[in-house]
C-alpha atoms as a PDB file:
ATOM      1  CA  UNK A   1      19.346  16.436  10.306  1.00  0.00           C
ATOM      2  CA  UNK A   2      18.061  14.963   7.035  1.00  0.00           C
ATOM      3  CA  UNK A   3      14.556  16.161   6.097  1.00  0.00           C
ATOM      4  CA  UNK A   4      12.164  15.157   3.289  1.00  0.00           C
ATOM      5  CA  UNK A   5       9.554  17.803   2.542  1.00  0.00           C
ATOM      6  CA  UNK A   6       6.412  16.677   0.671  1.00  0.00           C
ATOM      7  CA  UNK A   7       5.028  19.868  -0.858  1.00  0.00           C
ATOM      8  CA  UNK A   8       2.902  18.506  -3.700  1.00  0.00           C
ATOM      9  CA  UNK A   9       0.198  21.187  -3.416  1.00  0.00           C
ATOM     10  CA  UNK A  10       2.600  24.080  -3.035  1.00  0.00           C
ATOM     11  CA  UNK A  11       0.097  25.897  -0.803  1.00  0.00           C
ATOM     12  CA  UNK A  12       2.676  26.426   1.943  1.00  0.00           C
ATOM     13  CA  UNK A  13       5.668  26.979  -0.318  1.00  0.00           C
ATOM     14  CA  UNK A  14       7.004  30.069   1.526  1.00  0.00           C
ATOM     15  CA  UNK A  15       7.034  28.055   4.770  1.00  0.00           C
ATOM     16  CA  UNK A  16       8.708  25.103   3.058  1.00  0.00           C
ATOM     17  CA  UNK A  17      11.369  27.412   1.561  1.00  0.00           C
ATOM     18  CA  UNK A  18      12.065  28.957   4.932  1.00  0.00           C
ATOM     19  CA  UNK A  19      12.272  25.643   6.763  1.00  0.00           C
ATOM     20  CA  UNK A  20      14.371  23.925   4.088  1.00  0.00           C
ATOM     21  CA  UNK A  21      16.808  26.811   4.022  1.00  0.00           C
ATOM     22  CA  UNK A  22      17.008  26.726   7.811  1.00  0.00           C
ATOM     23  CA  UNK A  23      17.798  22.985   7.754  1.00  0.00           C
ATOM     24  CA  UNK A  24      20.513  23.579   5.132  1.00  0.00           C
ATOM     25  CA  UNK A  25      21.945  26.506   7.141  1.00  0.00           C
ATOM     26  CA  UNK A  26      22.267  24.231  10.202  1.00  0.00           C
ATOM     27  CA  UNK A  27      24.322  21.751   8.189  1.00  0.00           C
ATOM     28  CA  UNK A  28      21.524  19.285   7.480  1.00  0.00           C
ATOM     29  CA  UNK A  29      20.272  18.057   4.142  1.00  0.00           C
ATOM     30  CA  UNK A  30      16.828  18.838   2.775  1.00  0.00           C
ATOM     31  CA  UNK A  31      14.993  17.239  -0.140  1.00  0.00           C
ATOM     32  CA  UNK A  32      11.815  18.956  -1.345  1.00  0.00           C
ATOM     33  CA  UNK A  33       9.342  16.993  -3.472  1.00  0.00           C
ATOM     34  CA  UNK A  34       7.084  19.305  -5.502  1.00  0.00           C
ATOM     35  CA  UNK A  35       4.731  19.049  -8.452  1.00  0.00           C
ATOM     36  CA  UNK A  36       5.134  22.550  -9.859  1.00  0.00           C
ATOM     37  CA  UNK A  37       7.598  25.160  -8.750  1.00  0.00           C
ATOM     38  CA  UNK A  38       7.750  28.699 -10.055  1.00  0.00           C
ATOM     39  CA  UNK A  39      11.033  30.335 -10.959  1.00  0.00           C
ATOM     40  CA  UNK A  40      10.577  32.829  -8.148  1.00  0.00           C
ATOM     41  CA  UNK A  41      10.223  30.085  -5.577  1.00  0.00           C
ATOM     42  CA  UNK A  42      13.021  28.002  -7.116  1.00  0.00           C
ATOM     43  CA  UNK A  43      15.617  30.794  -6.750  1.00  0.00           C
ATOM     44  CA  UNK A  44      14.693  31.378  -3.094  1.00  0.00           C
ATOM     45  CA  UNK A  45      15.925  27.898  -2.103  1.00  0.00           C
ATOM     46  CA  UNK A  46      19.437  27.505  -0.684  1.00  0.00           C
ATOM     47  CA  UNK A  47      21.739  25.785  -3.253  1.00  0.00           C
ATOM     48  CA  UNK A  48      22.259  22.938  -0.740  1.00  0.00           C
ATOM     49  CA  UNK A  49      18.534  22.072  -0.853  1.00  0.00           C
ATOM     50  CA  UNK A  50      17.717  19.297  -3.360  1.00  0.00           C
ATOM     51  CA  UNK A  51      14.482  19.981  -5.260  1.00  0.00           C
ATOM     52  CA  UNK A  52      12.798  17.033  -6.951  1.00  0.00           C
ATOM     53  CA  UNK A  53       9.919  17.682  -9.355  1.00  0.00           C
ATOM     54  CA  UNK A  54       7.294  14.963  -9.789  1.00  0.00           C
ATOM     55  CA  UNK A  55       7.446  15.427 -13.592  1.00  0.00           C
ATOM     56  CA  UNK A  56      11.145  14.504 -13.552  1.00  0.00           C
ATOM     57  CA  UNK A  57      10.370  11.292 -11.667  1.00  0.00           C
ATOM     58  CA  UNK A  58       7.496  10.332 -13.948  1.00  0.00           C
ATOM     59  CA  UNK A  59       9.630  10.834 -17.044  1.00  0.00           C
ATOM     60  CA  UNK A  60      12.017   8.174 -15.861  1.00  0.00           C
ATOM     61  CA  UNK A  61       9.293   5.569 -16.447  1.00  0.00           C
ATOM     62  CA  UNK A  62       9.496   4.869 -20.184  1.00  0.00           C
ATOM     63  CA  UNK A  63       6.326   5.259 -22.206  1.00  0.00           C
ATOM     64  CA  UNK A  64       7.564   2.513 -24.496  1.00  0.00           C
ATOM     65  CA  UNK A  65       7.019   0.084 -21.590  1.00  0.00           C
ATOM     66  CA  UNK A  66       3.293   0.705 -21.821  1.00  0.00           C
ATOM     67  CA  UNK A  67       3.439   0.274 -25.609  1.00  0.00           C
ATOM     68  CA  UNK A  68       5.306  -3.012 -25.192  1.00  0.00           C
ATOM     69  CA  UNK A  69       2.854  -4.374 -22.587  1.00  0.00           C
ATOM     70  CA  UNK A  70      -0.224  -3.357 -24.571  1.00  0.00           C
ATOM     71  CA  UNK A  71       0.776  -4.031 -28.179  1.00  0.00           C
ATOM     72  CA  UNK A  72       4.143  -5.627 -28.825  1.00  0.00           C
ATOM     73  CA  UNK A  73       4.012  -8.328 -26.162  1.00  0.00           C
ATOM     74  CA  UNK A  74       0.622  -9.698 -27.307  1.00  0.00           C
ATOM     75  CA  UNK A  75       1.749  -9.359 -30.936  1.00  0.00           C
ATOM     76  CA  UNK A  76       4.848 -11.476 -30.308  1.00  0.00           C
ATOM     77  CA  UNK A  77       2.698 -14.057 -28.496  1.00  0.00           C
ATOM     78  CA  UNK A  78       0.252 -14.042 -31.420  1.00  0.00           C
ATOM     79  CA  UNK A  79       3.023 -14.710 -33.923  1.00  0.00           C
ATOM     80  CA  UNK A  80       4.280 -17.597 -31.815  1.00  0.00           C
ATOM     81  CA  UNK A  81       0.788 -19.126 -31.443  1.00  0.00           C
ATOM     82  CA  UNK A  82      -0.515 -18.366 -34.936  1.00  0.00           C
ATOM     83  CA  UNK A  83       1.215 -21.213 -36.709  1.00  0.00           C
ATOM     84  CA  UNK A  84      -0.718 -24.033 -38.181  1.00  0.00           C
ATOM     85  CA  UNK A  85      -4.481 -24.450 -38.481  1.00  0.00           C
ATOM     86  CA  UNK A  86      -5.383 -21.976 -35.739  1.00  0.00           C
ATOM     87  CA  UNK A  87      -3.730 -19.036 -37.544  1.00  0.00           C
ATOM     88  CA  UNK A  88      -6.991 -17.363 -38.590  1.00  0.00           C
ATOM     89  CA  UNK A  89      -8.687 -17.613 -35.178  1.00  0.00           C
ATOM     90  CA  UNK A  90      -5.581 -16.399 -33.282  1.00  0.00           C
ATOM     91  CA  UNK A  91      -5.155 -13.382 -35.610  1.00  0.00           C
ATOM     92  CA  UNK A  92      -8.837 -12.472 -35.205  1.00  0.00           C
ATOM     93  CA  UNK A  93      -8.546 -12.672 -31.418  1.00  0.00           C
ATOM     94  CA  UNK A  94      -5.393 -10.536 -31.510  1.00  0.00           C
ATOM     95  CA  UNK A  95      -7.006  -7.891 -33.762  1.00  0.00           C
ATOM     96  CA  UNK A  96     -10.047  -7.754 -31.516  1.00  0.00           C
ATOM     97  CA  UNK A  97      -7.789  -7.356 -28.498  1.00  0.00           C
ATOM     98  CA  UNK A  98      -5.793  -4.548 -30.146  1.00  0.00           C
ATOM     99  CA  UNK A  99      -8.934  -2.758 -31.322  1.00  0.00           C
ATOM    100  CA  UNK A 100     -11.122  -3.098 -28.235  1.00  0.00           C
ATOM    101  CA  UNK A 101      -8.843  -3.431 -25.234  1.00  0.00           C
ATOM    102  CA  UNK A 102      -5.342  -2.157 -25.903  1.00  0.00           C
ATOM    103  CA  UNK A 103      -6.266   1.080 -27.642  1.00  0.00           C
ATOM    104  CA  UNK A 104      -8.938   1.851 -25.020  1.00  0.00           C
ATOM    105  CA  UNK A 105      -6.436   1.247 -22.228  1.00  0.00           C
ATOM    106  CA  UNK A 106      -3.821   3.390 -23.984  1.00  0.00           C
ATOM    107  CA  UNK A 107      -6.283   6.267 -24.074  1.00  0.00           C
ATOM    108  CA  UNK A 108      -7.157   5.738 -20.403  1.00  0.00           C
ATOM    109  CA  UNK A 109      -5.410   7.113 -17.352  1.00  0.00           C
ATOM    110  CA  UNK A 110      -3.119   4.168 -16.653  1.00  0.00           C
ATOM    111  CA  UNK A 111      -0.207   5.548 -18.700  1.00  0.00           C
ATOM    112  CA  UNK A 112      -0.588   9.310 -18.577  1.00  0.00           C
ATOM    113  CA  UNK A 113       2.423  11.349 -17.587  1.00  0.00           C
ATOM    114  CA  UNK A 114       0.961  12.806 -14.394  1.00  0.00           C
ATOM    115  CA  UNK A 115       0.105  10.970 -11.190  1.00  0.00           C
ATOM    116  CA  UNK A 116      -3.629  10.378 -10.947  1.00  0.00           C
ATOM    117  CA  UNK A 117      -5.173   9.959  -7.540  1.00  0.00           C
ATOM    118  CA  UNK A 118      -7.367   6.888  -7.460  1.00  0.00           C
ATOM    119  CA  UNK A 119      -5.380   5.100 -10.144  1.00  0.00           C
ATOM    120  CA  UNK A 120      -3.583   2.275  -8.277  1.00  0.00           C
ATOM    121  CA  UNK A 121      -1.585   1.083 -11.265  1.00  0.00           C
ATOM    122  CA  UNK A 122      -0.001   4.482 -11.849  1.00  0.00           C
ATOM    123  CA  UNK A 123       0.440   5.158  -8.135  1.00  0.00           C
ATOM    124  CA  UNK A 124       2.332   1.891  -7.646  1.00  0.00           C
ATOM    125  CA  UNK A 125       4.673   2.655 -10.554  1.00  0.00           C
ATOM    126  CA  UNK A 126       5.142   6.234  -9.389  1.00  0.00           C
ATOM    127  CA  UNK A 127       5.824   5.199  -5.782  1.00  0.00           C
ATOM    128  CA  UNK A 128       8.301   2.559  -7.005  1.00  0.00           C
ATOM    129  CA  UNK A 129      10.206   5.077  -9.110  1.00  0.00           C
ATOM    130  CA  UNK A 130      10.091   7.655  -6.299  1.00  0.00           C
ATOM    131  CA  UNK A 131      11.525   5.084  -3.932  1.00  0.00           C
ATOM    132  CA  UNK A 132      14.390   4.153  -6.252  1.00  0.00           C
ATOM    133  CA  UNK A 133      15.278   7.664  -7.425  1.00  0.00           C
ATOM    134  CA  UNK A 134      14.914   9.708  -4.208  1.00  0.00           C
ATOM    135  CA  UNK A 135      14.115   7.818  -1.066  1.00  0.00           C
ATOM    136  CA  UNK A 136      16.348   4.758  -1.224  1.00  0.00           C
ATOM    137  CA  UNK A 137      19.516   6.820  -1.531  1.00  0.00           C
ATOM    138  CA  UNK A 138      19.015   8.581   1.790  1.00  0.00           C
ATOM    139  CA  UNK A 139      17.691   7.845   5.233  1.00  0.00           C
ATOM    140  CA  UNK A 140      15.641  10.746   6.530  1.00  0.00           C
ATOM    141  CA  UNK A 141      15.284  11.815  10.150  1.00  0.00           C
ATOM    142  CA  UNK A 142      12.033  13.645   9.434  1.00  0.00           C
ATOM    143  CA  UNK A 143       9.303  13.680   6.773  1.00  0.00           C
ATOM    144  CA  UNK A 144       7.440  16.979   6.656  1.00  0.00           C
ATOM    145  CA  UNK A 145       3.970  16.791   5.115  1.00  0.00           C
ATOM    146  CA  UNK A 146       3.613  20.417   4.086  1.00  0.00           C
ATOM    147  CA  UNK A 147       0.095  20.544   2.640  1.00  0.00           C
ATOM    148  CA  UNK A 148      -3.089  18.522   2.263  1.00  0.00           C
ATOM    149  CA  UNK A 149      -2.221  17.302  -1.261  1.00  0.00           C
ATOM    150  CA  UNK A 150       0.824  15.575   0.175  1.00  0.00           C
ATOM    151  CA  UNK A 151      -1.175  13.477   2.614  1.00  0.00           C
ATOM    152  CA  UNK A 152      -2.004  10.596   0.233  1.00  0.00           C
ATOM    153  CA  UNK A 153       1.689  10.305  -0.757  1.00  0.00           C
ATOM    154  CA  UNK A 154       2.759  10.244   2.878  1.00  0.00           C
ATOM    155  CA  UNK A 155       0.087   7.658   3.633  1.00  0.00           C
ATOM    156  CA  UNK A 156       1.228   5.420   0.756  1.00  0.00           C
ATOM    157  CA  UNK A 157       4.855   5.684   1.904  1.00  0.00           C
ATOM    158  CA  UNK A 158       3.867   4.713   5.428  1.00  0.00           C
ATOM    159  CA  UNK A 159       1.693   1.810   4.234  1.00  0.00           C
ATOM    160  CA  UNK A 160       4.456   0.553   1.964  1.00  0.00           C
ATOM    161  CA  UNK A 161       6.722   0.353   5.053  1.00  0.00           C
ATOM    162  CA  UNK A 162       8.992   2.936   3.518  1.00  0.00           C
ATOM    163  CA  UNK A 163       8.401   5.365   6.355  1.00  0.00           C
ATOM    164  CA  UNK A 164      11.176   3.822   8.480  1.00  0.00           C
ATOM    165  CA  UNK A 165      13.415   5.876   6.219  1.00  0.00           C
ATOM    166  CA  UNK A 166      11.853   8.822   8.056  1.00  0.00           C
ATOM    167  CA  UNK A 167      12.004   8.357  11.793  1.00  0.00           C
ATOM    168  CA  UNK A 168       9.435  11.075  12.453  1.00  0.00           C
ATOM    169  CA  UNK A 169       6.561  12.583  10.509  1.00  0.00           C
ATOM    170  CA  UNK A 170       5.377  16.163  11.174  1.00  0.00           C
ATOM    171  CA  UNK A 171       3.754  19.187   9.555  1.00  0.00           C
ATOM    172  CA  UNK A 172       6.638  21.544  10.323  1.00  0.00           C
ATOM    173  CA  UNK A 173      10.259  21.220  11.301  1.00  0.00           C
ATOM    174  CA  UNK A 174       9.635  23.429  14.341  1.00  0.00           C
ATOM    175  CA  UNK A 175       7.085  20.980  15.761  1.00  0.00           C
ATOM    176  CA  UNK A 176       9.830  18.383  16.199  1.00  0.00           C
ATOM    177  CA  UNK A 177      12.730  20.562  17.283  1.00  0.00           C
ATOM    178  CA  UNK A 178      11.030  22.337  20.185  1.00  0.00           C
END
């Protein structure tokens, strides 16, 4: 059995450890998605259990992409359009954009390194990277939503029609097996 554990809140980590180790002992594969994991919890997992930290996924999205979209892209467009008699007006518009919009957006939550609930831009990017780094590689028989903080992630995966990778969704492995 292939099981994906969503344990973003880590409130039920001892239960997740026990169930993931049990799945691995039975010959199945377990992937545990966590935000923060202590060293004590990390060493209690079976070596066959794959642990994926959210921070590792987020770091795969380059920060330079945000810089390119906010600053370099408009700057290249400005240089292309700022030839001839409109040079002064185009430069003023670009400077106003850089000063008022791009810097404000850069300071905002759209490109921070942690997932922010309620920020659809970041959630879409995060879900896309999660899909390509973890979920696409495997088809899961079961998705275990281990704690309340994992509910929004499970909901987004179901809405994005990526739940067919998990044939069943439950709160514990035992709820499905018995």
